[in-house]
């Protein structure tokens, strides 16, 4: 689309008064054009303020038009909900709103907001109370364009080719055959200040995050799984993650590391390593990974399978247990990606900057897929974190399963957290998917 005006022209001002030009394009096209100008440095407030020096009676018209535009961006026709803001405040608010949705140019797709720019803006402003207060009714999340390609591109945890490309980490583990390194600091640089503050308070306790092993923000692949479990954070057990990891055969370590790095980059389809054997060794990679992880999720899913088979979930043979279809059907998103023996929220209500990517990821999956979410830990915490719009969307689509009355589940069975109704519902969701998966094996 060719711009109607060049960014340095003042004609764009006519979109805010009652001039003839205001009727030559739809409101949507006007927003596209204004966004194009503002993105290229156009001083919208300066132009409007200059015009008001000679036409003071236009201020009310300018304010009204700005409110209409903001309402259009937010999908809210009630312009009175914006509040009594000055012209400058309205211009600033409008500018932030329109740039959340439109950018130009971008890879031949004009007026498309890149998620990276939006995400970077959130990271830079997430503690700005004035900005949060100003955005009383922000643009509906469903209208913010996000693609899987962009999410993969801005994923702060991901790798290109392996640990050697992990520049986003403070001091990554350098060897692909090492699972635990006392000299490493596997923390995202954007998260370091928040994590250091947390660990300073909880140093030497079970709430301290371990930074000497790779984080686990995701287990499995949320893009390809049918059901996503929302948990709190990965467990850390010294006897597993340090002692066993430090003494394990390097070939097993390399295979487990490969799985860890691939799942942080969304390049795996399974919760666990699916390779059955490693050379002449009797222990499978699946079993080696289970030892390191203390069999935590393995046991939870095994117990679910035992109960679910009684309700019609297709059975598997013992020889195929390492490639159970459930390992592809399920994935896990952690509230915090760093491991600790016990979860404790960051003091003063702070969030890790990486958590804003987590929310963007869930936002995309909520509005662009039919995936079902199971709140496996702390319903109230996840509800508050995701916000009303995402939560209501999942509830409205009947894609949310969580324990009634809050609390933390200790499993996915009828008696360990889900209850009969939701357990039966989860089994039914996975039945057909499992049958399809078995055909691939």
Foldseek 3Di string as FASTA:
>chain_A
DDAPDALVDLVLCCCQFDDPVVPPDDLVSNLLNVLANVQVPRDNVVSVVVVCVVVVVCQVSNLVSLLCSQCVQQVHRPSCVQDDDGSVLSVVLSNVQSQQAFDPDDPNNHTGRQVLVVLVVCLVCVPPVVNVVNPPRGRFLLRRDDDPVRLLVNLLQADDPAPVRNPQAPFTDDDLLAFFDPPGFGDGPLQVVLLVQQCVVQPPHLARFDRRGHFPQKAAAPVQAQEEEEAAGAADDCCQRPVLRVPDDSVLSNQQSVNRNCRSSRNGQFRARLAQPDPPDPDGSRVSVCRNRVCQVVVQVVVLVVQLVVVPADDDDPSRSSPQLVRRNYMYGHQDRTYGNDHDDRPPPDGRSSNSSVLVVLSCCLNPHLHAYEHQAFPPVVDVSNDDSSVVSCVVSVRYFFAPPGHHFSHLACPGGRNDVRSSVVSVSCRVVSVVVVVVD
